[in-house]
Amino acid sequence: MTALAFDVGGTKLAAAIVGGDGLPIDPLSVPTPPAGVWDAAAALLRRAAGDRKITTIGIASAGPIDTTAGTASPINITEWATGFALVDAVRTLFPDARIRLIGDGAAAAFGEQRHGAGRGVANLLSVVVSTGIGGGLVLDGRVVTGRSGNAGHVGHMTSAYGVDQCACGATGCIETVASGPAAVRWARGHGWSGVDAVAL
């Protein structure tokens, strides 16, 4: 069995073969382009797979996602924001592989519970702070994804501190207050003029 991991984020796309120990082998990444996202993703996946016969593919995507339809609608990827048939697209490259789509926050929670800081812990919440804010839940040792795959995705819960409209259409989402770009906006608005993570 040869497993391929694919991570879709608003800032970068990443892919790697995954070893039996759960660690990536020769991971690759490219910046997420403003247009032609699938073309960039397909090229990356082909490079990561090489000449190996891929039998299993795990896709971790920024959300929201729909695991039943196999679609991803990351609000930080404008081109896909209304829904991209991600599983079907990946299947065109690897028609014989078993493919599983999961939210990136849920994937992070599962990874921490299996191989990281959450080893031996039955219940945990993972929060991903990056271009957006994601999250995932492990309860009684199992990843909980909910009906559509978005359980634990805390970035679009509203906060009393949030007053801005989010790209999702709601007002006051945590993502508008505490994501990486939001933190940079706040710092710039309060006089910071140094280098920041977004600029890097």
C-alpha atoms as a PDB file:
ATOM      1  CA  MET A   1       0.000   0.000   0.000  1.00  0.00           C
ATOM      2  CA  THR A   2       1.356   3.435  -0.958  1.00  0.00           C
ATOM      3  CA  ALA A   3      -0.382   6.389   0.660  1.00  0.00           C
ATOM      4  CA  LEU A   4      -0.282   9.953  -0.605  1.00  0.00           C
ATOM      5  CA  ALA A   5      -1.163  12.908   1.610  1.00  0.00           C
ATOM      6  CA  PHE A   6      -2.430  16.145   0.054  1.00  0.00           C
ATOM      7  CA  ASP A   7      -2.966  19.346   2.018  1.00  0.00           C
ATOM      8  CA  VAL A   8      -4.947  22.265   0.565  1.00  0.00           C
ATOM      9  CA  GLY A   9      -4.475  25.635   2.231  1.00  0.00           C
ATOM     10  CA  GLY A  10      -5.045  29.255   1.396  1.00  0.00           C
ATOM     11  CA  THR A  11      -1.303  29.953   1.425  1.00  0.00           C
ATOM     12  CA  LYS A  12       0.219  26.720   0.140  1.00  0.00           C
ATOM     13  CA  LEU A  13      -0.493  23.311  -1.342  1.00  0.00           C
ATOM     14  CA  ALA A  14       1.531  20.384   0.028  1.00  0.00           C
ATOM     15  CA  ALA A  15       1.865  16.707  -0.829  1.00  0.00           C
ATOM     16  CA  ALA A  16       3.973  13.760   0.282  1.00  0.00           C
ATOM     17  CA  ILE A  17       4.114   9.996   0.357  1.00  0.00           C
ATOM     18  CA  VAL A  18       3.404   8.871   3.923  1.00  0.00           C
ATOM     19  CA  GLY A  19       5.433   6.116   5.543  1.00  0.00           C
ATOM     20  CA  GLY A  20       4.132   3.433   7.881  1.00  0.00           C
ATOM     21  CA  ASP A  21       5.193   5.584  10.825  1.00  0.00           C
ATOM     22  CA  GLY A  22       2.872   8.365   9.668  1.00  0.00           C
ATOM     23  CA  LEU A  23       5.742  10.654   8.687  1.00  0.00           C
ATOM     24  CA  PRO A  24       5.957  12.335   5.268  1.00  0.00           C
ATOM     25  CA  ILE A  25       8.597  11.184   2.813  1.00  0.00           C
ATOM     26  CA  ASP A  26      10.143  13.915   0.637  1.00  0.00           C
ATOM     27  CA  PRO A  27       7.338  16.454   1.211  1.00  0.00           C
ATOM     28  CA  LEU A  28       6.728  19.018  -1.518  1.00  0.00           C
ATOM     29  CA  SER A  29       4.859  22.309  -1.426  1.00  0.00           C
ATOM     30  CA  VAL A  30       4.022  25.213  -3.714  1.00  0.00           C
ATOM     31  CA  PRO A  31       2.303  28.542  -3.010  1.00  0.00           C
ATOM     32  CA  THR A  32      -1.444  28.469  -3.646  1.00  0.00           C
ATOM     33  CA  PRO A  33      -1.849  30.555  -6.801  1.00  0.00           C
ATOM     34  CA  PRO A  34      -4.612  33.137  -7.160  1.00  0.00           C
ATOM     35  CA  ALA A  35      -5.839  31.327 -10.289  1.00  0.00           C
ATOM     36  CA  GLY A  36      -5.262  27.900 -11.813  1.00  0.00           C
ATOM     37  CA  VAL A  37      -5.297  26.243  -8.398  1.00  0.00           C
ATOM     38  CA  TRP A  38      -6.210  22.783  -9.663  1.00  0.00           C
ATOM     39  CA  ASP A  39      -3.514  22.890 -12.353  1.00  0.00           C
ATOM     40  CA  ALA A  40      -0.929  23.687  -9.676  1.00  0.00           C
ATOM     41  CA  ALA A  41      -2.327  20.968  -7.415  1.00  0.00           C
ATOM     42  CA  ALA A  42      -2.327  18.347 -10.162  1.00  0.00           C
ATOM     43  CA  ALA A  43       1.295  19.077 -11.052  1.00  0.00           C
ATOM     44  CA  LEU A  44       2.266  18.852  -7.386  1.00  0.00           C
ATOM     45  CA  LEU A  45       0.461  15.532  -6.903  1.00  0.00           C
ATOM     46  CA  ARG A  46       2.118  14.036  -9.978  1.00  0.00           C
ATOM     47  CA  ARG A  47       5.541  15.114  -8.693  1.00  0.00           C
ATOM     48  CA  ALA A  48       4.885  13.696  -5.227  1.00  0.00           C
ATOM     49  CA  ALA A  49       3.626  10.365  -6.586  1.00  0.00           C
ATOM     50  CA  GLY A  50       6.408   9.920  -9.097  1.00  0.00           C
ATOM     51  CA  ASP A  51       6.216   6.470 -10.665  1.00  0.00           C
ATOM     52  CA  ARG A  52       4.684   4.847  -7.573  1.00  0.00           C
ATOM     53  CA  LYS A  53       1.319   3.089  -7.717  1.00  0.00           C
ATOM     54  CA  ILE A  54      -0.799   5.104  -5.292  1.00  0.00           C
ATOM     55  CA  THR A  55      -3.414   3.034  -3.487  1.00  0.00           C
ATOM     56  CA  THR A  56      -4.665   5.482  -0.851  1.00  0.00           C
ATOM     57  CA  ILE A  57      -4.969   9.275  -0.805  1.00  0.00           C
ATOM     58  CA  GLY A  58      -5.819  11.429   2.171  1.00  0.00           C
ATOM     59  CA  ILE A  59      -6.874  14.995   1.360  1.00  0.00           C
ATOM     60  CA  ALA A  60      -6.876  17.575   4.150  1.00  0.00           C
ATOM     61  CA  SER A  61      -8.502  20.787   2.988  1.00  0.00           C
ATOM     62  CA  ALA A  62      -9.279  24.185   4.371  1.00  0.00           C
ATOM     63  CA  GLY A  63     -13.011  24.530   4.682  1.00  0.00           C
ATOM     64  CA  PRO A  64     -15.780  24.406   4.563  1.00  0.00           C
ATOM     65  CA  ILE A  65     -15.883  20.997   2.922  1.00  0.00           C
ATOM     66  CA  ASP A  66     -18.622  18.512   2.081  1.00  0.00           C
ATOM     67  CA  THR A  67     -17.433  14.974   2.577  1.00  0.00           C
ATOM     68  CA  THR A  68     -20.580  13.475   1.044  1.00  0.00           C
ATOM     69  CA  ALA A  69     -20.237  15.443  -2.202  1.00  0.00           C
ATOM     70  CA  GLY A  70     -16.438  15.368  -2.112  1.00  0.00           C
ATOM     71  CA  THR A  71     -16.218  19.134  -2.499  1.00  0.00           C
ATOM     72  CA  ALA A  72     -14.114  21.840  -0.911  1.00  0.00           C
ATOM     73  CA  SER A  73     -15.130  25.505  -0.669  1.00  0.00           C
ATOM     74  CA  PRO A  74     -12.208  27.193   1.081  1.00  0.00           C
ATOM     75  CA  ILE A  75     -13.104  30.827   1.572  1.00  0.00           C
ATOM     76  CA  ASN A  76      -9.433  31.765   1.259  1.00  0.00           C
ATOM     77  CA  ILE A  77      -9.217  30.213  -2.227  1.00  0.00           C
ATOM     78  CA  THR A  78     -11.470  32.496  -4.239  1.00  0.00           C
ATOM     79  CA  GLU A  79     -11.486  30.234  -7.282  1.00  0.00           C
ATOM     80  CA  TRP A  80     -12.931  27.339  -5.237  1.00  0.00           C
ATOM     81  CA  ALA A  81     -15.071  29.343  -2.803  1.00  0.00           C
ATOM     82  CA  THR A  82     -18.395  28.228  -4.296  1.00  0.00           C
ATOM     83  CA  GLY A  83     -17.434  24.556  -4.273  1.00  0.00           C
ATOM     84  CA  PHE A  84     -14.798  22.561  -6.135  1.00  0.00           C
ATOM     85  CA  ALA A  85     -15.224  18.836  -6.829  1.00  0.00           C
ATOM     86  CA  LEU A  86     -11.886  18.024  -5.245  1.00  0.00           C
ATOM     87  CA  VAL A  87     -12.291  14.281  -4.793  1.00  0.00           C
ATOM     88  CA  ASP A  88     -13.428  13.816  -8.394  1.00  0.00           C
ATOM     89  CA  ALA A  89     -10.517  15.917  -9.630  1.00  0.00           C
ATOM     90  CA  VAL A  90      -7.981  13.862  -7.691  1.00  0.00           C
ATOM     91  CA  ARG A  91      -9.632  10.678  -8.950  1.00  0.00           C
ATOM     92  CA  THR A  92      -8.898  11.720 -12.536  1.00  0.00           C
ATOM     93  CA  LEU A  93      -5.201  11.435 -11.667  1.00  0.00           C
ATOM     94  CA  PHE A  94      -5.424   8.277  -9.544  1.00  0.00           C
ATOM     95  CA  PRO A  95      -8.526   6.361 -10.710  1.00  0.00           C
ATOM     96  CA  ASP A  96      -7.726   3.198  -8.734  1.00  0.00           C
ATOM     97  CA  ALA A  97      -6.906   4.846  -5.406  1.00  0.00           C
ATOM     98  CA  ARG A  98      -9.120   4.975  -2.335  1.00  0.00           C
ATOM     99  CA  ILE A  99      -9.618   8.684  -1.567  1.00  0.00           C
ATOM    100  CA  ARG A 100     -10.692  10.294   1.702  1.00  0.00           C
ATOM    101  CA  LEU A 101     -11.453  14.000   2.183  1.00  0.00           C
ATOM    102  CA  ILE A 102     -11.244  15.548   5.636  1.00  0.00           C
ATOM    103  CA  GLY A 103     -11.036  19.092   6.995  1.00  0.00           C
ATOM    104  CA  ASP A 104      -7.499  20.259   7.676  1.00  0.00           C
ATOM    105  CA  GLY A 105      -8.290  20.943  11.335  1.00  0.00           C
ATOM    106  CA  ALA A 106      -9.678  17.426  11.791  1.00  0.00           C
ATOM    107  CA  ALA A 107      -6.592  16.010  10.079  1.00  0.00           C
ATOM    108  CA  ALA A 108      -4.381  17.994  12.449  1.00  0.00           C
ATOM    109  CA  ALA A 109      -6.344  16.727  15.444  1.00  0.00           C
ATOM    110  CA  PHE A 110      -6.010  13.132  14.245  1.00  0.00           C
ATOM    111  CA  GLY A 111      -2.289  13.555  13.567  1.00  0.00           C
ATOM    112  CA  GLU A 112      -1.649  14.993  17.017  1.00  0.00           C
ATOM    113  CA  GLN A 113      -3.691  12.249  18.666  1.00  0.00           C
ATOM    114  CA  ARG A 114      -1.832   9.501  16.793  1.00  0.00           C
ATOM    115  CA  HIS A 115       1.689  10.871  16.529  1.00  0.00           C
ATOM    116  CA  GLY A 116       2.047  14.186  18.366  1.00  0.00           C
ATOM    117  CA  ALA A 117       1.182  16.118  21.500  1.00  0.00           C
ATOM    118  CA  GLY A 118      -2.129  14.301  21.915  1.00  0.00           C
ATOM    119  CA  ARG A 119      -0.768  10.760  22.103  1.00  0.00           C
ATOM    120  CA  GLY A 120      -2.545   8.835  24.815  1.00  0.00           C
ATOM    121  CA  VAL A 121      -5.277  11.508  25.101  1.00  0.00           C
ATOM    122  CA  ALA A 122      -8.829  10.394  24.386  1.00  0.00           C
ATOM    123  CA  ASN A 123     -10.391  13.839  23.936  1.00  0.00           C
ATOM    124  CA  LEU A 124      -8.810  16.868  22.328  1.00  0.00           C
ATOM    125  CA  LEU A 125      -9.556  19.970  20.283  1.00  0.00           C
ATOM    126  CA  SER A 126      -7.072  21.082  17.652  1.00  0.00           C
ATOM    127  CA  VAL A 127      -7.113  24.711  16.487  1.00  0.00           C
ATOM    128  CA  VAL A 128      -5.228  25.652  13.317  1.00  0.00           C
ATOM    129  CA  VAL A 129      -4.282  29.333  13.075  1.00  0.00           C
ATOM    130  CA  SER A 130      -3.005  30.166   9.618  1.00  0.00           C
ATOM    131  CA  THR A 131      -4.449  32.011   6.607  1.00  0.00           C
ATOM    132  CA  GLY A 132      -7.777  31.111   8.199  1.00  0.00           C
ATOM    133  CA  ILE A 133      -8.721  29.344  11.426  1.00  0.00           C
ATOM    134  CA  GLY A 134      -9.676  25.686  11.402  1.00  0.00           C
ATOM    135  CA  GLY A 135     -10.303  23.142  14.076  1.00  0.00           C
ATOM    136  CA  GLY A 136     -10.881  19.474  14.717  1.00  0.00           C
ATOM    137  CA  LEU A 137     -12.221  17.224  17.450  1.00  0.00           C
ATOM    138  CA  VAL A 138     -11.158  13.867  18.799  1.00  0.00           C
ATOM    139  CA  LEU A 139     -13.675  12.394  21.247  1.00  0.00           C
ATOM    140  CA  ASP A 140     -13.201   9.032  22.946  1.00  0.00           C
ATOM    141  CA  GLY A 141     -10.201   8.438  20.691  1.00  0.00           C
ATOM    142  CA  ARG A 142     -12.081   8.975  17.426  1.00  0.00           C
ATOM    143  CA  VAL A 143     -12.091  11.908  15.027  1.00  0.00           C
ATOM    144  CA  VAL A 144     -15.525  13.531  14.943  1.00  0.00           C
ATOM    145  CA  THR A 145     -16.268  15.169  11.604  1.00  0.00           C
ATOM    146  CA  GLY A 146     -20.046  15.597  11.681  1.00  0.00           C
ATOM    147  CA  ARG A 147     -22.565  15.191   8.878  1.00  0.00           C
ATOM    148  CA  SER A 148     -20.718  17.287   6.297  1.00  0.00           C
ATOM    149  CA  GLY A 149     -17.169  17.062   7.649  1.00  0.00           C
ATOM    150  CA  ASN A 150     -17.050  20.444   9.394  1.00  0.00           C
ATOM    151  CA  ALA A 151     -17.490  19.553  13.077  1.00  0.00           C
ATOM    152  CA  GLY A 152     -14.930  21.384  15.191  1.00  0.00           C
ATOM    153  CA  HIS A 153     -14.255  23.989  12.504  1.00  0.00           C
ATOM    154  CA  VAL A 154     -14.163  26.852  14.990  1.00  0.00           C
ATOM    155  CA  GLY A 155     -13.059  29.669  12.681  1.00  0.00           C
ATOM    156  CA  HIS A 156     -16.606  30.582  11.735  1.00  0.00           C
ATOM    157  CA  MET A 157     -18.051  30.690  15.208  1.00  0.00           C
ATOM    158  CA  THR A 158     -18.844  34.308  16.017  1.00  0.00           C
ATOM    159  CA  SER A 159     -17.096  36.310  18.694  1.00  0.00           C
ATOM    160  CA  ALA A 160     -18.204  39.341  20.657  1.00  0.00           C
ATOM    161  CA  TYR A 161     -14.885  40.907  19.586  1.00  0.00           C
ATOM    162  CA  GLY A 162     -15.641  40.453  15.901  1.00  0.00           C
ATOM    163  CA  VAL A 163     -17.244  43.334  14.031  1.00  0.00           C
ATOM    164  CA  ASP A 164     -15.979  42.819  10.487  1.00  0.00           C
ATOM    165  CA  GLN A 165     -17.754  40.885   7.773  1.00  0.00           C
ATOM    166  CA  CYS A 166     -16.085  37.581   7.021  1.00  0.00           C
ATOM    167  CA  ALA A 167     -15.516  36.233   3.524  1.00  0.00           C
ATOM    168  CA  CYS A 168     -18.094  33.561   4.389  1.00  0.00           C
ATOM    169  CA  GLY A 169     -20.759  36.282   4.575  1.00  0.00           C
ATOM    170  CA  ALA A 170     -21.263  36.304   8.353  1.00  0.00           C
ATOM    171  CA  THR A 171     -20.201  39.109  10.664  1.00  0.00           C
ATOM    172  CA  GLY A 172     -17.864  38.631  13.609  1.00  0.00           C
ATOM    173  CA  CYS A 173     -16.338  35.223  12.806  1.00  0.00           C
ATOM    174  CA  ILE A 174     -13.322  34.356  14.951  1.00  0.00           C
ATOM    175  CA  GLU A 175     -11.357  34.154  11.702  1.00  0.00           C
ATOM    176  CA  THR A 176     -11.841  37.912  11.174  1.00  0.00           C
ATOM    177  CA  VAL A 177     -10.209  38.593  14.541  1.00  0.00           C
ATOM    178  CA  ALA A 178      -7.540  35.951  15.136  1.00  0.00           C
ATOM    179  CA  SER A 179      -6.314  34.473  11.833  1.00  0.00           C
ATOM    180  CA  GLY A 180      -2.777  35.225  10.655  1.00  0.00           C
ATOM    181  CA  PRO A 181      -3.829  38.013   8.250  1.00  0.00           C
ATOM    182  CA  ALA A 182      -6.214  39.470  10.867  1.00  0.00           C
ATOM    183  CA  ALA A 183      -3.423  39.549  13.444  1.00  0.00           C
ATOM    184  CA  VAL A 184      -1.175  41.341  10.948  1.00  0.00           C
ATOM    185  CA  ARG A 185      -3.910  43.889  10.180  1.00  0.00           C
ATOM    186  CA  TRP A 186      -4.362  44.550  13.895  1.00  0.00           C
ATOM    187  CA  ALA A 187      -0.615  44.948  14.462  1.00  0.00           C
ATOM    188  CA  ARG A 188      -0.235  47.271  11.468  1.00  0.00           C
ATOM    189  CA  GLY A 189      -3.186  49.315  12.706  1.00  0.00           C
ATOM    190  CA  HIS A 190      -1.442  49.700  16.052  1.00  0.00           C
ATOM    191  CA  GLY A 191       1.889  50.899  14.673  1.00  0.00           C
ATOM    192  CA  TRP A 192       3.863  47.743  13.891  1.00  0.00           C
ATOM    193  CA  SER A 193       6.084  48.336  10.877  1.00  0.00           C
ATOM    194  CA  GLY A 194       8.442  45.361  11.078  1.00  0.00           C
ATOM    195  CA  VAL A 195       8.494  42.095   9.158  1.00  0.00           C
ATOM    196  CA  ASP A 196       5.513  39.827   9.657  1.00  0.00           C
ATOM    197  CA  ALA A 197       4.665  36.216   8.795  1.00  0.00           C
ATOM    198  CA  VAL A 198       2.389  37.251   5.943  1.00  0.00           C
ATOM    199  CA  ALA A 199       5.201  39.203   4.294  1.00  0.00           C
ATOM    200  CA  LEU A 200       7.542  36.216   4.613  1.00  0.00           C
END
